C-alpha atoms as a PDB file:
ATOM      1  CA  MET A   1     -59.606  20.684 -40.252  1.00  0.00           C
ATOM      2  CA  ALA A   2     -56.358  19.357 -42.030  1.00  0.00           C
ATOM      3  CA  THR A   3     -57.009  17.401 -45.316  1.00  0.00           C
ATOM      4  CA  LYS A   4     -56.005  13.860 -45.781  1.00  0.00           C
ATOM      5  CA  ASN A   5     -53.197  15.135 -48.001  1.00  0.00           C
ATOM      6  CA  GLU A   6     -51.890  17.518 -44.953  1.00  0.00           C
ATOM      7  CA  ARG A   7     -52.333  14.673 -42.439  1.00  0.00           C
ATOM      8  CA  ALA A   8     -50.312  12.625 -44.837  1.00  0.00           C
ATOM      9  CA  ALA A   9     -47.600  15.218 -45.020  1.00  0.00           C
ATOM     10  CA  GLU A  10     -47.770  15.752 -41.421  1.00  0.00           C
ATOM     11  CA  ALA A  11     -47.231  11.693 -40.540  1.00  0.00           C
ATOM     12  CA  ARG A  12     -44.144  11.618 -43.218  1.00  0.00           C
ATOM     13  CA  ALA A  13     -42.694  14.748 -41.672  1.00  0.00           C
ATOM     14  CA  LYS A  14     -42.980  13.153 -38.062  1.00  0.00           C
ATOM     15  CA  ALA A  15     -41.582  10.028 -39.110  1.00  0.00           C
ATOM     16  CA  GLN A  16     -38.651  11.719 -40.500  1.00  0.00           C
ATOM     17  CA  GLN A  17     -38.035  13.398 -37.201  1.00  0.00           C
ATOM     18  CA  GLN A  18     -37.858   9.945 -35.240  1.00  0.00           C
ATOM     19  CA  VAL A  19     -35.411   8.447 -37.989  1.00  0.00           C
ATOM     20  CA  LYS A  20     -33.299  11.468 -37.712  1.00  0.00           C
ATOM     21  CA  ALA A  21     -33.435  11.313 -33.981  1.00  0.00           C
ATOM     22  CA  LYS A  22     -32.543   7.625 -33.566  1.00  0.00           C
ATOM     23  CA  GLU A  23     -30.133   8.371 -36.226  1.00  0.00           C
ATOM     24  CA  ARG A  24     -28.221  11.048 -33.871  1.00  0.00           C
ATOM     25  CA  ARG A  25     -28.838   8.462 -30.677  1.00  0.00           C
ATOM     26  CA  THR A  26     -27.069   5.813 -32.580  1.00  0.00           C
ATOM     27  CA  THR A  27     -24.202   8.387 -33.510  1.00  0.00           C
ATOM     28  CA  VAL A  28     -23.985   9.492 -29.890  1.00  0.00           C
ATOM     29  CA  ILE A  29     -23.793   5.547 -28.792  1.00  0.00           C
ATOM     30  CA  ILE A  30     -20.842   4.657 -31.635  1.00  0.00           C
ATOM     31  CA  ILE A  31     -18.823   7.920 -30.768  1.00  0.00           C
ATOM     32  CA  ALA A  32     -19.301   7.199 -27.126  1.00  0.00           C
ATOM     33  CA  SER A  33     -18.274   3.554 -27.431  1.00  0.00           C
ATOM     34  CA  ALA A  34     -15.326   4.182 -29.615  1.00  0.00           C
ATOM     35  CA  VAL A  35     -14.041   6.921 -26.944  1.00  0.00           C
ATOM     36  CA  LEU A  36     -14.594   4.171 -24.296  1.00  0.00           C
ATOM     37  CA  ILE A  37     -12.694   1.712 -26.434  1.00  0.00           C
ATOM     38  CA  ILE A  38     -10.023   4.198 -26.753  1.00  0.00           C
ATOM     39  CA  ALA A  39      -9.907   5.117 -22.989  1.00  0.00           C
ATOM     40  CA  LEU A  40      -9.934   1.455 -22.309  1.00  0.00           C
ATOM     41  CA  PHE A  41      -6.779   0.884 -24.680  1.00  0.00           C
ATOM     42  CA  ALA A  42      -4.936   3.819 -23.362  1.00  0.00           C
ATOM     43  CA  GLY A  43      -5.368   2.497 -19.949  1.00  0.00           C
ATOM     44  CA  VAL A  44      -3.969  -0.849 -20.891  1.00  0.00           C
ATOM     45  CA  VAL A  45      -0.837   0.855 -22.531  1.00  0.00           C
ATOM     46  CA  ALA A  46      -0.242   3.077 -19.722  1.00  0.00           C
ATOM     47  CA  PHE A  47      -0.305   0.147 -17.573  1.00  0.00           C
ATOM     48  CA  ILE A  48       2.247  -1.615 -19.970  1.00  0.00           C
ATOM     49  CA  VAL A  49       4.216   1.493 -20.063  1.00  0.00           C
ATOM     50  CA  ASN A  50       4.363   2.182 -16.267  1.00  0.00           C
ATOM     51  CA  SER A  51       5.222  -1.488 -15.687  1.00  0.00           C
ATOM     52  CA  SER A  52       8.146  -1.269 -17.981  1.00  0.00           C
ATOM     53  CA  LYS A  53       9.275   1.583 -16.189  1.00  0.00           C
ATOM     54  CA  VAL A  54       9.946  -0.312 -13.246  1.00  0.00           C
ATOM     55  CA  PRO A  55      13.450  -1.623 -12.457  1.00  0.00           C
ATOM     56  CA  PRO A  56      13.825  -4.892 -11.095  1.00  0.00           C
ATOM     57  CA  ILE A  57      14.553  -4.365  -7.303  1.00  0.00           C
ATOM     58  CA  SER A  58      18.060  -5.453  -7.754  1.00  0.00           C
ATOM     59  CA  GLU A  59      18.623  -2.408  -9.960  1.00  0.00           C
ATOM     60  CA  ALA A  60      16.809   0.263  -7.959  1.00  0.00           C
ATOM     61  CA  HIS A  61      18.838   2.259  -5.590  1.00  0.00           C
ATOM     62  CA  ALA A  62      17.490   1.108  -2.107  1.00  0.00           C
ATOM     63  CA  PRO A  63      17.774   1.703   1.397  1.00  0.00           C
ATOM     64  CA  SER A  64      21.359   0.232   2.167  1.00  0.00           C
ATOM     65  CA  MET A  65      19.709  -2.316   4.705  1.00  0.00           C
ATOM     66  CA  ALA A  66      17.193  -3.479   2.342  1.00  0.00           C
ATOM     67  CA  ASP A  67      17.366  -7.016   1.405  1.00  0.00           C
ATOM     68  CA  GLU A  68      16.515  -8.821  -1.856  1.00  0.00           C
ATOM     69  CA  SER A  69      12.665  -9.152  -1.164  1.00  0.00           C
ATOM     70  CA  GLY A  70      12.575  -5.197  -0.381  1.00  0.00           C
ATOM     71  CA  GLY A  71      12.266  -5.560   3.127  1.00  0.00           C
ATOM     72  CA  ILE A  72      13.687  -3.274   5.915  1.00  0.00           C
ATOM     73  CA  PRO A  73      15.019  -5.522   9.081  1.00  0.00           C
ATOM     74  CA  VAL A  74      14.628  -3.574  12.477  1.00  0.00           C
ATOM     75  CA  GLY A  75      16.884  -5.407  15.516  1.00  0.00           C
ATOM     76  CA  THR A  76      16.376  -5.540  18.901  1.00  0.00           C
ATOM     77  CA  GLY A  77      17.110  -2.330  19.765  1.00  0.00           C
ATOM     78  CA  GLY A  78      14.529  -0.751  17.385  1.00  0.00           C
ATOM     79  CA  VAL A  79      17.032   0.604  15.110  1.00  0.00           C
ATOM     80  CA  ALA A  80      16.522  -0.578  10.887  1.00  0.00           C
ATOM     81  CA  GLY A  81      19.304  -2.648   9.871  1.00  0.00           C
ATOM     82  CA  VAL A  82      21.118  -2.828  13.353  1.00  0.00           C
ATOM     83  CA  ASP A  83      21.186  -5.845  15.400  1.00  0.00           C
ATOM     84  CA  VAL A  84      18.951  -8.003  13.533  1.00  0.00           C
ATOM     85  CA  PRO A  85      19.069 -11.734  14.614  1.00  0.00           C
ATOM     86  CA  THR A  86      19.684 -14.252  11.996  1.00  0.00           C
ATOM     87  CA  ASP A  87      18.527 -17.255  14.077  1.00  0.00           C
ATOM     88  CA  ALA A  88      15.044 -16.134  14.817  1.00  0.00           C
ATOM     89  CA  VAL A  89      11.788 -16.615  13.423  1.00  0.00           C
ATOM     90  CA  ARG A  90      11.704 -14.257  10.256  1.00  0.00           C
ATOM     91  CA  LEU A  91       8.423 -11.962  10.198  1.00  0.00           C
ATOM     92  CA  ASP A  92       7.541 -10.137   7.070  1.00  0.00           C
ATOM     93  CA  LEU A  93       5.166  -7.411   7.179  1.00  0.00           C
ATOM     94  CA  TYR A  94       3.853  -5.664   4.278  1.00  0.00           C
ATOM     95  CA  PHE A  95       1.920  -2.336   4.521  1.00  0.00           C
ATOM     96  CA  ASP A  96       0.645   0.573   2.659  1.00  0.00           C
ATOM     97  CA  MET A  97       0.378   3.969   4.514  1.00  0.00           C
ATOM     98  CA  MET A  98      -2.859   4.694   3.048  1.00  0.00           C
ATOM     99  CA  CYS A  99      -4.290   0.951   4.107  1.00  0.00           C
ATOM    100  CA  PRO A 100      -6.757   1.480   7.203  1.00  0.00           C
ATOM    101  CA  VAL A 101      -6.745  -2.548   7.572  1.00  0.00           C
ATOM    102  CA  CYS A 102      -2.878  -1.942   8.174  1.00  0.00           C
ATOM    103  CA  ARG A 103      -3.705   0.759  10.733  1.00  0.00           C
ATOM    104  CA  THR A 104      -5.947  -2.102  12.505  1.00  0.00           C
ATOM    105  CA  PHE A 105      -3.255  -4.580  12.254  1.00  0.00           C
ATOM    106  CA  GLU A 106      -0.648  -2.229  13.434  1.00  0.00           C
ATOM    107  CA  GLU A 107      -2.993  -1.255  16.485  1.00  0.00           C
ATOM    108  CA  ILE A 108      -3.737  -4.754  17.398  1.00  0.00           C
ATOM    109  CA  ASN A 109      -0.084  -6.247  17.047  1.00  0.00           C
ATOM    110  CA  SER A 110       2.405  -3.450  17.366  1.00  0.00           C
ATOM    111  CA  ALA A 111       3.060  -4.103  21.133  1.00  0.00           C
ATOM    112  CA  ASP A 112       3.594  -8.115  20.699  1.00  0.00           C
ATOM    113  CA  ILE A 113       5.802  -7.725  17.639  1.00  0.00           C
ATOM    114  CA  ASP A 114       8.009  -4.979  19.306  1.00  0.00           C
ATOM    115  CA  ALA A 115       8.301  -7.598  22.241  1.00  0.00           C
ATOM    116  CA  MET A 116       9.173 -10.618  20.054  1.00  0.00           C
ATOM    117  CA  ARG A 117      11.668  -8.402  18.389  1.00  0.00           C
ATOM    118  CA  GLU A 118      13.005  -6.969  21.807  1.00  0.00           C
ATOM    119  CA  ALA A 119      13.467 -10.370  22.654  1.00  0.00           C
ATOM    120  CA  GLY A 120      15.138 -11.877  19.429  1.00  0.00           C
ATOM    121  CA  THR A 121      12.311 -13.948  19.020  1.00  0.00           C
ATOM    122  CA  ALA A 122      11.446 -12.724  15.629  1.00  0.00           C
ATOM    123  CA  ALA A 123      13.768 -11.155  12.937  1.00  0.00           C
ATOM    124  CA  VAL A 124      11.100  -8.313  12.180  1.00  0.00           C
ATOM    125  CA  TYR A 125      11.056  -7.154   8.115  1.00  0.00           C
ATOM    126  CA  TYR A 126       8.777  -3.975   6.833  1.00  0.00           C
ATOM    127  CA  HIS A 127       7.806  -3.611   3.477  1.00  0.00           C
ATOM    128  CA  PRO A 128       6.374  -0.048   2.516  1.00  0.00           C
ATOM    129  CA  ILE A 129       4.683  -0.808  -0.771  1.00  0.00           C
ATOM    130  CA  THR A 130       2.245   1.107  -2.958  1.00  0.00           C
ATOM    131  CA  ILE A 131      -0.794  -0.296  -4.043  1.00  0.00           C
ATOM    132  CA  LEU A 132      -3.263   2.224  -3.062  1.00  0.00           C
ATOM    133  CA  ASP A 133      -1.976   5.407  -5.170  1.00  0.00           C
ATOM    134  CA  ARG A 134      -4.914   5.102  -7.079  1.00  0.00           C
ATOM    135  CA  TYR A 135      -7.292   6.531  -3.718  1.00  0.00           C
ATOM    136  CA  SER A 136      -5.231   9.553  -3.145  1.00  0.00           C
ATOM    137  CA  SER A 137      -6.882  11.600  -5.834  1.00  0.00           C
ATOM    138  CA  GLY A 138      -3.893  11.824  -8.018  1.00  0.00           C
ATOM    139  CA  THR A 139      -1.050  12.735  -5.475  1.00  0.00           C
ATOM    140  CA  ALA A 140       0.375   9.272  -5.504  1.00  0.00           C
ATOM    141  CA  TYR A 141       0.387   9.576  -1.199  1.00  0.00           C
ATOM    142  CA  SER A 142       1.146   5.658  -0.997  1.00  0.00           C
ATOM    143  CA  THR A 143       4.239   6.120  -2.873  1.00  0.00           C
ATOM    144  CA  ARG A 144       5.254   9.535  -1.566  1.00  0.00           C
ATOM    145  CA  ALA A 145       4.878   7.982   2.179  1.00  0.00           C
ATOM    146  CA  ALA A 146       6.698   4.888   1.319  1.00  0.00           C
ATOM    147  CA  ASN A 147       9.645   7.058   0.144  1.00  0.00           C
ATOM    148  CA  ALA A 148       9.475   9.014   3.254  1.00  0.00           C
ATOM    149  CA  VAL A 149       9.778   5.823   5.413  1.00  0.00           C
ATOM    150  CA  ALA A 150      12.480   4.542   3.093  1.00  0.00           C
ATOM    151  CA  VAL A 151      14.625   7.553   3.415  1.00  0.00           C
ATOM    152  CA  VAL A 152      14.171   7.441   7.180  1.00  0.00           C
ATOM    153  CA  ALA A 153      15.449   4.164   7.147  1.00  0.00           C
ATOM    154  CA  GLU A 154      18.649   5.193   5.447  1.00  0.00           C
ATOM    155  CA  LYS A 155      19.199   8.711   7.119  1.00  0.00           C
ATOM    156  CA  ASP A 156      17.860   8.249  10.516  1.00  0.00           C
ATOM    157  CA  PRO A 157      17.350   4.693  11.180  1.00  0.00           C
ATOM    158  CA  GLU A 158      16.778   5.280  14.836  1.00  0.00           C
ATOM    159  CA  HIS A 159      13.280   6.830  14.182  1.00  0.00           C
ATOM    160  CA  PHE A 160      12.123   4.342  11.894  1.00  0.00           C
ATOM    161  CA  LEU A 161       9.450   2.787  13.771  1.00  0.00           C
ATOM    162  CA  ASP A 162       8.249   5.967  15.276  1.00  0.00           C
ATOM    163  CA  PHE A 163       7.643   7.594  11.839  1.00  0.00           C
ATOM    164  CA  ILE A 164       5.909   4.672  10.350  1.00  0.00           C
ATOM    165  CA  GLY A 165       3.726   4.833  14.116  1.00  0.00           C
ATOM    166  CA  VAL A 166       3.113   8.769  13.673  1.00  0.00           C
ATOM    167  CA  LEU A 167       2.170   8.056   9.822  1.00  0.00           C
ATOM    168  CA  TYR A 168      -0.800   5.661  11.172  1.00  0.00           C
ATOM    169  CA  ASP A 169      -1.952   8.145  13.846  1.00  0.00           C
ATOM    170  CA  ASN A 170      -2.357  10.583  11.099  1.00  0.00           C
ATOM    171  CA  GLN A 171      -3.495   8.419   8.261  1.00  0.00           C
ATOM    172  CA  PRO A 172      -5.656   9.972   6.024  1.00  0.00           C
ATOM    173  CA  ALA A 173      -8.945   8.480   4.637  1.00  0.00           C
ATOM    174  CA  GLU A 174      -9.000   6.409   1.014  1.00  0.00           C
ATOM    175  CA  ASN A 175      -9.819   8.953  -1.526  1.00  0.00           C
ATOM    176  CA  THR A 176      -8.645  12.197  -0.551  1.00  0.00           C
ATOM    177  CA  THR A 177      -5.456  13.727  -1.411  1.00  0.00           C
ATOM    178  CA  GLY A 178      -3.539  12.508   1.423  1.00  0.00           C
ATOM    179  CA  LEU A 179      -0.932  14.481   3.552  1.00  0.00           C
ATOM    180  CA  ASP A 180       1.097  16.994   1.288  1.00  0.00           C
ATOM    181  CA  ASP A 181       4.783  16.914   1.307  1.00  0.00           C
ATOM    182  CA  ASP A 182       5.093  19.252   4.040  1.00  0.00           C
ATOM    183  CA  THR A 183       2.740  17.442   6.263  1.00  0.00           C
ATOM    184  CA  ILE A 184       4.744  14.256   6.200  1.00  0.00           C
ATOM    185  CA  ALA A 185       8.122  16.162   6.781  1.00  0.00           C
ATOM    186  CA  ALA A 186       6.290  17.910   9.893  1.00  0.00           C
ATOM    187  CA  LEU A 187       5.207  14.636  11.388  1.00  0.00           C
ATOM    188  CA  ALA A 188       8.648  13.200  10.643  1.00  0.00           C
ATOM    189  CA  VAL A 189      10.338  16.177  12.499  1.00  0.00           C
ATOM    190  CA  GLY A 190       8.105  15.883  15.330  1.00  0.00           C
ATOM    191  CA  VAL A 191       9.156  12.501  16.319  1.00  0.00           C
ATOM    192  CA  GLY A 192      13.024  13.369  15.773  1.00  0.00           C
ATOM    193  CA  VAL A 193      14.123  13.156  12.595  1.00  0.00           C
ATOM    194  CA  PRO A 194      16.415  16.005  11.458  1.00  0.00           C
ATOM    195  CA  ALA A 195      14.876  18.569   9.361  1.00  0.00           C
ATOM    196  CA  ASP A 196      17.148  18.359   6.678  1.00  0.00           C
ATOM    197  CA  VAL A 197      16.442  14.478   6.385  1.00  0.00           C
ATOM    198  CA  ALA A 198      12.358  15.587   6.210  1.00  0.00           C
ATOM    199  CA  ALA A 199      13.132  18.263   3.894  1.00  0.00           C
ATOM    200  CA  SER A 200      14.876  15.449   1.332  1.00  0.00           C
ATOM    201  CA  PHE A 201      11.599  13.766   1.079  1.00  0.00           C
ATOM    202  CA  LYS A 202      10.367  15.911  -1.863  1.00  0.00           C
ATOM    203  CA  ASN A 203      13.373  14.431  -3.641  1.00  0.00           C
ATOM    204  CA  GLY A 204      12.047  11.004  -4.266  1.00  0.00           C
ATOM    205  CA  GLU A 205      15.206   9.428  -3.601  1.00  0.00           C
ATOM    206  CA  PHE A 206      13.604   5.845  -3.273  1.00  0.00           C
ATOM    207  CA  THR A 207      11.000   6.370  -5.553  1.00  0.00           C
ATOM    208  CA  LYS A 208      11.780   4.021  -8.044  1.00  0.00           C
ATOM    209  CA  TRP A 209      12.672   1.706  -5.149  1.00  0.00           C
ATOM    210  CA  VAL A 210       9.373   1.077  -3.656  1.00  0.00           C
ATOM    211  CA  ALA A 211       7.722   0.676  -7.302  1.00  0.00           C
ATOM    212  CA  ALA A 212      10.096  -2.251  -7.468  1.00  0.00           C
ATOM    213  CA  ALA A 213       9.489  -3.451  -4.067  1.00  0.00           C
ATOM    214  CA  THR A 214       5.772  -3.556  -4.866  1.00  0.00           C
ATOM    215  CA  ASP A 215       6.585  -5.419  -8.135  1.00  0.00           C
ATOM    216  CA  LYS A 216       8.695  -7.843  -6.194  1.00  0.00           C
ATOM    217  CA  ALA A 217       6.122  -8.253  -3.221  1.00  0.00           C
ATOM    218  CA  SER A 218       3.406  -9.231  -6.058  1.00  0.00           C
ATOM    219  CA  GLN A 219       5.678 -11.546  -7.591  1.00  0.00           C
ATOM    220  CA  ASP A 220       6.365 -13.298  -4.190  1.00  0.00           C
ATOM    221  CA  GLY A 221       2.373 -13.873  -3.751  1.00  0.00           C
ATOM    222  CA  MET A 222       1.350 -10.349  -1.858  1.00  0.00           C
ATOM    223  CA  GLN A 223      -2.040  -9.942  -2.995  1.00  0.00           C
ATOM    224  CA  GLY A 224      -2.945  -6.870  -0.838  1.00  0.00           C
ATOM    225  CA  THR A 225      -2.252  -5.539   2.380  1.00  0.00           C
ATOM    226  CA  PRO A 226      -1.466  -5.987   5.151  1.00  0.00           C
ATOM    227  CA  THR A 227       0.169  -9.404   4.214  1.00  0.00           C
ATOM    228  CA  VAL A 228       1.916 -11.086   6.816  1.00  0.00           C
ATOM    229  CA  MET A 229       4.931 -13.749   6.100  1.00  0.00           C
ATOM    230  CA  VAL A 230       6.512 -16.075   8.474  1.00  0.00           C
ATOM    231  CA  ASP A 231       9.835 -17.582   7.412  1.00  0.00           C
ATOM    232  CA  LYS A 232       9.009 -16.748   3.826  1.00  0.00           C
ATOM    233  CA  GLU A 233       5.478 -18.203   3.914  1.00  0.00           C
ATOM    234  CA  ILE A 234       2.431 -15.968   3.568  1.00  0.00           C
ATOM    235  CA  LEU A 235       0.377 -16.485   6.774  1.00  0.00           C
ATOM    236  CA  ASP A 236      -3.253 -17.695   6.172  1.00  0.00           C
ATOM    237  CA  GLN A 237      -5.371 -15.601   8.406  1.00  0.00           C
ATOM    238  CA  THR A 238      -7.817 -18.981   8.665  1.00  0.00           C
ATOM    239  CA  VAL A 239      -4.818 -20.578  10.270  1.00  0.00           C
ATOM    240  CA  VAL A 240      -3.712 -17.984  12.609  1.00  0.00           C
ATOM    241  CA  PRO A 241      -6.408 -15.125  12.839  1.00  0.00           C
ATOM    242  CA  TYR A 242      -4.080 -12.092  13.363  1.00  0.00           C
ATOM    243  CA  PHE A 243      -6.459  -9.644  13.901  1.00  0.00           C
ATOM    244  CA  GLN A 244      -7.482 -11.473  17.285  1.00  0.00           C
ATOM    245  CA  PRO A 245      -5.328  -9.944  19.805  1.00  0.00           C
ATOM    246  CA  GLY A 246      -2.316 -12.357  20.953  1.00  0.00           C
ATOM    247  CA  ALA A 247      -2.970 -14.472  18.043  1.00  0.00           C
ATOM    248  CA  LEU A 248       0.450 -13.793  15.974  1.00  0.00           C
ATOM    249  CA  LYS A 249       2.241 -13.495  19.127  1.00  0.00           C
ATOM    250  CA  THR A 250       1.418 -17.103  20.248  1.00  0.00           C
ATOM    251  CA  TYR A 251       1.892 -18.644  16.984  1.00  0.00           C
ATOM    252  CA  VAL A 252       5.254 -17.086  16.193  1.00  0.00           C
ATOM    253  CA  GLU A 253       6.611 -17.937  19.881  1.00  0.00           C
ATOM    254  CA  SER A 254       5.638 -21.497  19.244  1.00  0.00           C
ATOM    255  CA  LEU A 255       7.737 -21.542  15.908  1.00  0.00           C
ATOM    256  CA  ALA A 256      10.704 -20.034  18.144  1.00  0.00           C
ATOM    257  CA  GLY A 257       9.665 -23.150  20.869  1.00  0.00           C
ATOM    258  CA  VAL A 258       9.120 -19.860  23.235  1.00  0.00           C
ATOM    259  CA  ALA A 259       6.891 -21.199  26.216  1.00  0.00           C
ATOM    260  CA  VAL A 260       3.660 -19.570  26.325  1.00  0.00           C
ATOM    261  CA  THR A 261       2.335 -18.943  29.724  1.00  0.00           C
ATOM    262  CA  PRO A 262      -1.356 -19.670  29.401  1.00  0.00           C
ATOM    263  CA  ALA A 263      -4.008 -16.861  30.524  1.00  0.00           C
ATOM    264  CA  PRO A 264      -5.180 -17.085  34.024  1.00  0.00           C
ATOM    265  CA  SER A 265      -8.602 -18.592  34.172  1.00  0.00           C
ATOM    266  CA  ALA A 266     -11.576 -16.528  35.259  1.00  0.00           C
ATOM    267  CA  SER A 267     -11.753 -18.361  38.647  1.00  0.00           C
ATOM    268  CA  SER A 268      -8.162 -18.363  39.620  1.00  0.00           C
END
C-alpha cells in the first residue's frame, strides 16, 4: 500500500499533467484562432485585390454589340446584335450558366421570350454573368462559360441563342468541376459554331469583360440570378410571378399595348 507521501507525490504529478494538458489545449486554440484570423484577413485582402483587378465595363474588351450595361441584344431574327427594335419594351435577362434556377426560368419562359422578340414586342438583352464560380471546385466554370457565350456573340452571332440553350441542356450541378473547355467547345460545334471559333474559347478573350459586366450588374441592383429587368427596372416576383407560365409574357405585352387573348374557359 502506498504511503501518505507517495500518494501526495502521485497527486502532484497528476495535477501537473492536467495543467500541462490544459496549456497544450490553450496553445492549440490560440494557434488555430491565429490561423483563422490570418485566413480571414487573407480572404479580405484577396477580395480587395481581385476587385481592384476588375476594369470598369467601359474599359473592358467587350463583344461589339454589347451595351454599356453588359447586355448582349438579340434581334427579331434571333441573331445577336442584329435587327434589335428601338421602340419595344426592353427586357434584360441576367443569368449564370451554372445557376439551376436560371435553367428553370429558361424552361418556363424561353418560348414566350422568343415569341415576343420575334414579334418586336420586346428588345431582349442577355447578360452572362459570373457569380457562381465558387461552386465549380476551383475551375471557374461560370466565367469560362460566360466567356464562351460572349465569344459566340461576337464571332458567330447566328448561333448565340442555340449555344446558350445547349449549355442549359448540359448544365453541370453546383459543387462540381463543371464542363471542361473541350466539352464546352464540342457543344458549341454541335449547334453549328465553327470549330475555330469554339477552339478560341480557351483564349479567354472576354474574361475581363464578363467580370466587369458582373460588377456592373451588381451596381445596377442585381443581387442574384436569374434577375429580370423590364425597361431597366428590376421586376419584382411578388408583382409579376415570372416562374408561372405565361406571367412574364402577359406583363410585357400589357406594357407594349398588345391585346392579350384570354385563355378559353373550361366550359367553352
